[in-house]
Amino acid sequence: ETEQCQNPTPLVDPLSGSVSGILHSSTGVVKVVFTTDDSVSSEGFQMTWEPFTPSCSRRQTLTDLFGSFEDGSGDEQYANFVNCAWIIAPPDAISIELTFSEFDTEEGFDFVEIYECMDGEECLNPTFLSNFSGILGPTTIQSTTGAIRVVFTSDWSVTGGGFSASWTSAIATGGNNNDGGSSVDSASKNAETSTAPGEVLETTAAGAAGEPGT
């Protein structure tokens, strides 16, 4: 059972001497062991702990041609120690356009990273595409692959409103165009988009589109 912690995995190297800091486990149970030898003692240690419930899933796979998602904090600020991922992999997609309509994280410490996936939703060897941090206005980026991985991480202090994002996908229809190649459709809630893949397409200064946050 989890409370017995029969096969624990070390979280950090053994601590000794005078140390302080914050540790965060990736499980809901931790085991703390204190040992001394037969000579020389000191004042010991004092520690506190608190349970942590992430605002988003460790990994979520999204396969619709278009849709939206957010960091999971709703109208509140996101939590510390967040490490969540979204795999966006619509069937037959050849490119994904990702737009952040709201974005507010601790600049330089809490990041959203985007990776391209060559192997669809498995995404075993993702290739880094871009990352964002701080307060941004509406920002759009397009991939050169039909699947992407979005990773959100936060550190141990200072949070923000989080982010809201939506995506559309370009799919190969299997037909031919006038040049003899495959034709491509853009799946979107609103209108077809035409942009250069593999780069940030548009970034609007924050404040021009209202106060960011979720």
Protein backbone atom coordinates (compact mmCIF):
# COMPACT_ATOMS: atom_id res chain seq x y z
CA GLU A 1 0.00 0.00 0.00
CA THR A 2 1.10 3.58 -0.59
CA GLU A 3 1.22 4.47 3.12
CA GLN A 4 3.77 1.71 3.74
CA CYS A 5 6.08 3.08 1.01
CA GLN A 6 7.77 -0.29 0.49
CA ASN A 7 9.77 0.69 -2.61
CA PRO A 8 10.63 4.38 -2.21
CA THR A 9 12.54 6.33 -4.87
CA PRO A 10 15.08 8.93 -3.66
CA LEU A 11 13.81 12.46 -4.22
CA VAL A 12 17.15 14.17 -3.49
CA ASP A 13 20.63 13.19 -2.36
CA PRO A 14 20.93 12.86 1.46
CA LEU A 15 20.87 16.25 3.22
CA SER A 16 23.48 16.99 5.89
CA GLY A 17 24.95 20.04 7.59
CA SER A 18 23.11 23.36 7.46
CA VAL A 19 20.60 23.49 4.61
CA SER A 20 17.25 25.05 3.81
CA GLY A 21 14.91 24.98 0.85
CA ILE A 22 11.72 23.62 -0.67
CA LEU A 23 11.27 20.15 -2.13
CA HIS A 24 8.39 18.99 -4.29
CA SER A 25 7.50 15.34 -4.82
CA SER A 26 5.90 13.86 -7.92
CA THR A 27 3.79 11.45 -5.81
CA GLY A 28 1.21 11.84 -3.06
CA VAL A 29 3.31 10.04 -0.41
CA VAL A 30 6.84 10.77 0.82
CA LYS A 31 9.11 9.00 3.31
CA VAL A 32 11.56 11.01 5.46
CA VAL A 33 14.41 9.11 7.16
CA PHE A 34 16.70 10.65 9.82
CA THR A 35 19.87 8.83 10.88
CA THR A 36 22.83 9.70 13.16
CA ASP A 37 26.16 8.04 13.92
CA ASP A 38 27.78 7.33 17.31
CA SER A 39 29.44 10.73 17.86
CA VAL A 40 28.77 14.48 17.62
CA SER A 41 25.21 15.72 17.46
CA SER A 42 23.48 19.01 16.70
CA GLU A 43 20.13 20.74 17.07
CA GLY A 44 18.36 18.60 14.47
CA PHE A 45 15.82 19.87 11.98
CA GLN A 46 12.36 21.34 11.61
CA MET A 47 10.19 20.98 8.54
CA THR A 48 6.67 21.66 7.33
CA TRP A 49 4.65 20.15 4.50
CA GLU A 50 1.46 20.82 2.63
CA PRO A 51 -0.51 18.75 0.10
CA PHE A 52 -0.41 19.85 -3.49
CA THR A 53 -3.19 19.39 -6.03
CA PRO A 54 -2.21 20.42 -9.57
CA SER A 55 -4.67 22.56 -11.52
CA CYS A 56 -4.07 20.59 -14.72
CA SER A 57 -3.38 17.01 -15.78
CA ARG A 58 0.11 15.59 -16.16
CA ARG A 59 -0.70 14.74 -19.77
CA GLN A 60 -3.81 15.24 -21.84
CA THR A 61 -4.26 14.27 -25.49
CA LEU A 62 -6.49 16.41 -27.73
CA THR A 63 -7.47 15.00 -31.14
CA ASP A 64 -10.19 17.38 -32.39
CA LEU A 65 -9.43 19.40 -35.52
CA PHE A 66 -9.94 22.59 -33.54
CA GLY A 67 -10.65 23.46 -29.93
CA SER A 68 -9.42 25.29 -26.87
CA PHE A 69 -7.85 24.62 -23.46
CA GLU A 70 -6.44 26.57 -20.54
CA ASP A 71 -4.08 26.04 -17.62
CA GLY A 72 -6.87 24.77 -15.36
CA SER A 73 -6.86 27.49 -12.71
CA GLY A 74 -10.09 29.10 -13.87
CA ASP A 75 -10.56 32.56 -12.36
CA GLU A 76 -7.83 31.90 -9.77
CA GLN A 77 -4.07 32.05 -10.14
CA TYR A 78 -2.34 28.80 -11.09
CA ALA A 79 -0.43 26.79 -8.47
CA ASN A 80 3.28 26.48 -7.79
CA PHE A 81 5.14 23.35 -8.95
CA VAL A 82 2.87 22.81 -11.97
CA ASN A 83 4.16 20.42 -14.63
CA CYS A 84 1.46 19.67 -17.20
CA ALA A 85 1.37 18.73 -20.87
CA TRP A 86 -1.15 18.75 -23.71
CA ILE A 87 -0.60 16.71 -26.86
CA ILE A 88 -2.56 18.14 -29.80
CA ALA A 89 -2.71 15.51 -32.55
CA PRO A 90 -5.74 15.64 -34.87
CA PRO A 91 -5.96 12.72 -37.35
CA ASP A 92 -4.51 13.56 -40.79
CA ALA A 93 -3.26 16.97 -39.65
CA ILE A 94 -0.12 18.29 -41.31
CA SER A 95 0.16 21.54 -39.33
CA ILE A 96 -1.20 23.06 -36.11
CA GLU A 97 -1.81 26.75 -35.49
CA LEU A 98 -1.84 27.58 -31.77
CA THR A 99 -3.13 30.91 -30.46
CA PHE A 100 -2.84 32.21 -26.89
CA SER A 101 -5.68 34.66 -26.27
CA GLU A 102 -4.64 35.28 -22.64
CA PHE A 103 -1.21 34.78 -21.12
CA ASP A 104 0.08 35.76 -17.66
CA THR A 105 2.93 33.82 -15.98
CA GLU A 106 5.88 34.75 -13.76
CA GLU A 107 8.34 36.09 -16.30
CA GLY A 108 11.57 34.15 -16.60
CA PHE A 109 10.49 31.40 -14.19
CA ASP A 110 7.12 29.95 -15.27
CA PHE A 111 7.02 28.84 -18.91
CA VAL A 112 4.83 27.44 -21.63
CA GLU A 113 6.96 25.47 -24.09
CA ILE A 114 5.81 24.19 -27.48
CA TYR A 115 7.36 21.18 -29.20
CA GLU A 116 6.73 19.60 -32.61
CA CYS A 117 5.99 15.86 -32.71
CA MET A 118 7.00 13.77 -35.71
CA ASP A 119 5.30 10.61 -34.39
CA GLY A 120 1.80 11.91 -33.70
CA GLU A 121 0.31 11.68 -30.25
CA GLU A 122 3.10 9.37 -29.04
CA CYS A 123 5.47 12.35 -29.22
CA LEU A 124 8.43 10.36 -27.92
CA ASN A 125 11.13 12.60 -29.41
CA PRO A 126 9.69 16.10 -29.58
CA THR A 127 11.57 18.97 -31.23
CA PHE A 128 11.60 22.33 -29.48
CA LEU A 129 9.65 25.03 -31.34
CA SER A 130 9.23 27.99 -28.97
CA ASN A 131 8.52 29.09 -25.40
CA PHE A 132 6.68 31.96 -23.73
CA SER A 133 6.82 33.58 -20.30
CA GLY A 134 5.52 36.79 -18.74
CA ILE A 135 2.49 38.83 -19.79
CA LEU A 136 1.58 38.67 -23.47
CA GLY A 137 -1.23 39.82 -25.68
CA PRO A 138 -2.74 37.52 -28.31
CA THR A 139 0.08 35.38 -29.72
CA THR A 140 -0.03 32.81 -32.54
CA ILE A 141 2.50 30.18 -33.58
CA GLN A 142 2.31 27.52 -36.29
CA SER A 143 3.99 24.11 -36.41
CA THR A 144 5.45 22.27 -39.38
CA THR A 145 4.10 18.95 -38.08
CA GLY A 146 0.59 17.57 -37.54
CA ALA A 147 1.07 17.16 -33.78
CA ILE A 148 2.49 19.39 -31.06
CA ARG A 149 3.20 19.13 -27.36
CA VAL A 150 2.46 22.08 -25.05
CA VAL A 151 4.17 21.98 -21.65
CA PHE A 152 3.39 24.33 -18.74
CA THR A 153 5.75 24.50 -15.75
CA SER A 154 5.87 26.77 -12.72
CA ASP A 155 8.46 27.09 -9.96
CA TRP A 156 8.04 27.28 -6.18
CA SER A 157 7.00 30.94 -5.82
CA VAL A 158 4.99 33.72 -7.49
CA THR A 159 2.17 32.78 -9.83
CA GLY A 160 -0.12 34.53 -12.30
CA GLY A 161 -3.42 34.31 -14.10
CA GLY A 162 -2.25 31.51 -16.41
CA PHE A 163 -3.25 31.17 -20.03
CA SER A 164 -6.04 30.36 -22.46
CA ALA A 165 -5.25 28.85 -25.85
CA SER A 166 -7.01 27.56 -28.95
CA TRP A 167 -5.85 25.63 -31.97
CA THR A 168 -6.81 24.95 -35.56
CA SER A 169 -5.31 22.34 -37.87
CA ALA A 170 -4.45 22.04 -41.54
CA ILE A 171 -5.28 18.61 -42.96
CA ALA A 172 -4.35 16.85 -46.17
CA THR A 173 -7.54 16.05 -48.07
CA GLY A 174 -5.97 13.44 -50.35
CA GLY A 175 -7.13 15.27 -53.48
CA ASN A 176 -5.01 16.97 -56.14
CA ASN A 177 -4.60 20.62 -56.93
CA ASN A 178 -3.76 22.16 -60.29
CA ASP A 179 -0.04 21.60 -59.74
CA GLY A 180 -0.49 17.87 -59.18
CA GLY A 181 0.15 18.01 -55.41
CA SER A 182 -2.07 17.16 -52.49
CA SER A 183 -4.61 19.77 -51.51
CA VAL A 184 -4.87 21.09 -47.96
CA ASP A 185 -7.87 22.27 -45.95
CA SER A 186 -7.71 24.46 -42.86
CA ALA A 187 -10.11 23.33 -40.12
CA SER A 188 -11.31 26.22 -38.00
CA LYS A 189 -14.34 27.45 -36.14
CA ASN A 190 -14.28 30.70 -38.05
CA ALA A 191 -12.36 31.12 -41.28
CA GLU A 192 -9.49 29.61 -43.22
CA THR A 193 -6.07 30.94 -42.26
CA SER A 194 -2.92 31.20 -44.34
CA THR A 195 0.37 31.73 -42.50
CA ALA A 196 4.01 30.69 -42.68
CA PRO A 197 4.72 27.62 -40.54
CA GLY A 198 7.44 27.26 -37.93
CA GLU A 199 7.50 30.80 -36.53
CA VAL A 200 5.60 33.12 -34.21
CA LEU A 201 2.99 34.64 -36.48
CA GLU A 202 1.67 37.45 -34.33
CA THR A 203 2.35 38.85 -30.89
CA THR A 204 0.32 41.76 -29.59
CA ALA A 205 1.56 43.83 -26.67
CA ALA A 206 -0.34 42.99 -23.50
CA GLY A 207 -2.71 45.81 -22.63
CA ALA A 208 -3.77 46.23 -26.25
CA ALA A 209 -6.16 43.33 -25.83
CA GLY A 210 -7.19 43.89 -22.23
CA GLU A 211 -5.89 42.45 -18.98
CA PRO A 212 -4.52 38.91 -19.45
CA GLY A 213 -5.28 36.06 -17.11
CA THR A 214 -7.63 33.18 -16.62
